[in-house]
Amino acid sequence: MIRWGILGCGAIAANMAAALRDQPEAVILAAAARESARAGAFAAAQGIPRAYGNYNALIADEEVDAVYIANWNPLHFAAAKACLLAGKAVLCEKPLCMTGE
């Protein structure tokens, strides 16, 4: 069983949540947004048990195995790097980076 966290709570994240719910080896454990209210509303709508008002809290959740990164494009790289350094598997929306450097 892969325990997922969703980092970013927009429309694309909702589509991914729906796709993950169809996977027998996946469970969505947590969602995070930059604002607690947004994370809470997203988690409630998607049936996700944990909601975090900042990305670092989701990254620090030791029960989350993998993170789907769906935040604002310029923040993808920093979020992916933080997740990887925390030992999480990462699935990142495109683009991963804004430049080749």
C-alpha atoms as a PDB file:
ATOM      1  CA  MET A   1       0.000   0.000   0.000  1.00  0.00           C
ATOM      2  CA  ILE A   2       1.358   3.418  -0.967  1.00  0.00           C
ATOM      3  CA  ARG A   3       0.260   6.226   1.332  1.00  0.00           C
ATOM      4  CA  TRP A   4       0.034   9.445  -0.683  1.00  0.00           C
ATOM      5  CA  GLY A   5       0.166  13.095   0.206  1.00  0.00           C
ATOM      6  CA  ILE A   6      -1.072  15.766  -2.174  1.00  0.00           C
ATOM      7  CA  LEU A   7       0.894  19.016  -2.062  1.00  0.00           C
ATOM      8  CA  GLY A   8      -1.258  21.768  -3.571  1.00  0.00           C
ATOM      9  CA  CYS A   9      -5.040  21.733  -3.548  1.00  0.00           C
ATOM     10  CA  GLY A  10      -6.214  23.001  -6.916  1.00  0.00           C
ATOM     11  CA  ALA A  11      -8.332  21.504  -9.696  1.00  0.00           C
ATOM     12  CA  ILE A  12      -5.579  19.290 -11.086  1.00  0.00           C
ATOM     13  CA  ALA A  13      -4.954  17.910  -7.593  1.00  0.00           C
ATOM     14  CA  ALA A  14      -8.630  16.994  -7.371  1.00  0.00           C
ATOM     15  CA  ASN A  15      -8.326  15.083 -10.655  1.00  0.00           C
ATOM     16  CA  MET A  16      -5.309  13.218  -9.298  1.00  0.00           C
ATOM     17  CA  ALA A  17      -7.139  12.425  -6.061  1.00  0.00           C
ATOM     18  CA  ALA A  18      -9.938  10.861  -8.102  1.00  0.00           C
ATOM     19  CA  ALA A  19      -7.416   8.793 -10.069  1.00  0.00           C
ATOM     20  CA  LEU A  20      -5.639   7.634  -6.913  1.00  0.00           C
ATOM     21  CA  ARG A  21      -8.925   6.564  -5.330  1.00  0.00           C
ATOM     22  CA  ASP A  22      -9.336   4.104  -8.219  1.00  0.00           C
ATOM     23  CA  GLN A  23      -6.009   2.419  -7.443  1.00  0.00           C
ATOM     24  CA  PRO A  24      -6.247  -0.552  -5.067  1.00  0.00           C
ATOM     25  CA  GLU A  25      -2.634  -0.097  -3.874  1.00  0.00           C
ATOM     26  CA  ALA A  26      -3.030   3.606  -3.035  1.00  0.00           C
ATOM     27  CA  VAL A  27      -4.532   5.543  -0.165  1.00  0.00           C
ATOM     28  CA  ILE A  28      -4.505   9.329   0.112  1.00  0.00           C
ATOM     29  CA  LEU A  29      -3.447  10.141   3.630  1.00  0.00           C
ATOM     30  CA  ALA A  30      -2.893  13.919   3.576  1.00  0.00           C
ATOM     31  CA  ALA A  31      -3.265  17.132   1.618  1.00  0.00           C
ATOM     32  CA  ALA A  32      -1.446  20.433   2.064  1.00  0.00           C
ATOM     33  CA  ALA A  33      -1.959  23.978   0.868  1.00  0.00           C
ATOM     34  CA  ARG A  34      -0.441  27.319   1.840  1.00  0.00           C
ATOM     35  CA  GLU A  35      -3.637  28.099   3.775  1.00  0.00           C
ATOM     36  CA  SER A  36      -5.239  25.813   6.368  1.00  0.00           C
ATOM     37  CA  ALA A  37      -8.783  26.609   5.215  1.00  0.00           C
ATOM     38  CA  ARG A  38      -8.006  25.652   1.626  1.00  0.00           C
ATOM     39  CA  ALA A  39      -6.310  22.420   2.703  1.00  0.00           C
ATOM     40  CA  GLY A  40      -9.195  21.575   5.026  1.00  0.00           C
ATOM     41  CA  ALA A  41     -11.836  22.205   2.370  1.00  0.00           C
ATOM     42  CA  PHE A  42      -9.937  20.143  -0.197  1.00  0.00           C
ATOM     43  CA  ALA A  43      -9.380  17.273   2.228  1.00  0.00           C
ATOM     44  CA  ALA A  44     -13.035  17.269   3.258  1.00  0.00           C
ATOM     45  CA  ALA A  45     -14.240  17.282  -0.354  1.00  0.00           C
ATOM     46  CA  GLN A  46     -11.864  14.466  -1.301  1.00  0.00           C
ATOM     47  CA  GLY A  47     -12.299  12.320   1.808  1.00  0.00           C
ATOM     48  CA  ILE A  48      -8.682  12.799   2.872  1.00  0.00           C
ATOM     49  CA  PRO A  49      -8.127  12.361   6.629  1.00  0.00           C
ATOM     50  CA  ARG A  50      -5.291  14.876   7.166  1.00  0.00           C
ATOM     51  CA  ALA A  51      -5.027  18.509   6.073  1.00  0.00           C
ATOM     52  CA  TYR A  52      -1.993  20.711   6.542  1.00  0.00           C
ATOM     53  CA  GLY A  53      -1.826  24.495   6.193  1.00  0.00           C
ATOM     54  CA  ASN A  54       1.762  24.381   4.974  1.00  0.00           C
ATOM     55  CA  TYR A  55       3.798  22.134   2.743  1.00  0.00           C
ATOM     56  CA  ASN A  56       6.514  21.346   5.289  1.00  0.00           C
ATOM     57  CA  ALA A  57       4.024  19.660   7.618  1.00  0.00           C
ATOM     58  CA  LEU A  58       2.994  17.240   4.877  1.00  0.00           C
ATOM     59  CA  ILE A  59       6.632  16.581   3.982  1.00  0.00           C
ATOM     60  CA  ALA A  60       7.399  15.869   7.644  1.00  0.00           C
ATOM     61  CA  ASP A  61       4.501  13.395   8.005  1.00  0.00           C
ATOM     62  CA  GLU A  62       6.332  10.108   8.521  1.00  0.00           C
ATOM     63  CA  GLU A  63       3.352   8.056   7.385  1.00  0.00           C
ATOM     64  CA  VAL A  64       3.290   9.612   3.893  1.00  0.00           C
ATOM     65  CA  ASP A  65       5.277   7.458   1.429  1.00  0.00           C
ATOM     66  CA  ALA A  66       4.823   9.446  -1.777  1.00  0.00           C
ATOM     67  CA  VAL A  67       3.858  13.003  -2.630  1.00  0.00           C
ATOM     68  CA  TYR A  68       2.019  14.291  -5.669  1.00  0.00           C
ATOM     69  CA  ILE A  69       3.221  17.845  -6.253  1.00  0.00           C
ATOM     70  CA  ALA A  70       0.504  20.079  -7.657  1.00  0.00           C
ATOM     71  CA  ASN A  71       1.413  23.507  -6.346  1.00  0.00           C
ATOM     72  CA  TRP A  72       2.324  26.616  -8.348  1.00  0.00           C
ATOM     73  CA  ASN A  73       4.816  25.805 -11.152  1.00  0.00           C
ATOM     74  CA  PRO A  74       7.740  27.930  -9.875  1.00  0.00           C
ATOM     75  CA  LEU A  75       7.557  26.046  -6.551  1.00  0.00           C
ATOM     76  CA  HIS A  76       7.721  22.535  -8.031  1.00  0.00           C
ATOM     77  CA  PHE A  77      11.493  22.102  -7.824  1.00  0.00           C
ATOM     78  CA  ALA A  78      11.833  23.229  -4.203  1.00  0.00           C
ATOM     79  CA  ALA A  79       8.915  21.022  -3.154  1.00  0.00           C
ATOM     80  CA  ALA A  80      10.230  17.988  -5.037  1.00  0.00           C
ATOM     81  CA  LYS A  81      13.705  18.467  -3.583  1.00  0.00           C
ATOM     82  CA  ALA A  82      12.342  18.784  -0.031  1.00  0.00           C
ATOM     83  CA  CYS A  83      10.246  15.638  -0.467  1.00  0.00           C
ATOM     84  CA  LEU A  84      13.148  13.646  -1.866  1.00  0.00           C
ATOM     85  CA  LEU A  85      15.452  14.783   0.930  1.00  0.00           C
ATOM     86  CA  ALA A  86      12.775  13.618   3.387  1.00  0.00           C
ATOM     87  CA  GLY A  87      12.811  10.158   1.795  1.00  0.00           C
ATOM     88  CA  LYS A  88       9.517  10.477  -0.073  1.00  0.00           C
ATOM     89  CA  ALA A  89       8.823   9.274  -3.581  1.00  0.00           C
ATOM     90  CA  VAL A  90       7.674  12.129  -5.821  1.00  0.00           C
ATOM     91  CA  LEU A  91       5.259  12.494  -8.694  1.00  0.00           C
ATOM     92  CA  CYS A  92       5.468  16.065  -9.955  1.00  0.00           C
ATOM     93  CA  GLU A  93       3.207  17.925 -12.336  1.00  0.00           C
ATOM     94  CA  LYS A  94       5.058  19.444 -15.219  1.00  0.00           C
ATOM     95  CA  PRO A  95       7.221  21.427 -15.266  1.00  0.00           C
ATOM     96  CA  LEU A  96       9.693  20.250 -12.657  1.00  0.00           C
ATOM     97  CA  CYS A  97      11.828  23.376 -13.169  1.00  0.00           C
ATOM     98  CA  MET A  98      11.334  26.744 -14.794  1.00  0.00           C
ATOM     99  CA  THR A  99      14.786  26.824 -16.455  1.00  0.00           C
ATOM    100  CA  GLY A 100      17.409  24.341 -17.623  1.00  0.00           C
ATOM    101  CA  GLU A 101      19.827  25.452 -14.940  1.00  0.00           C
END
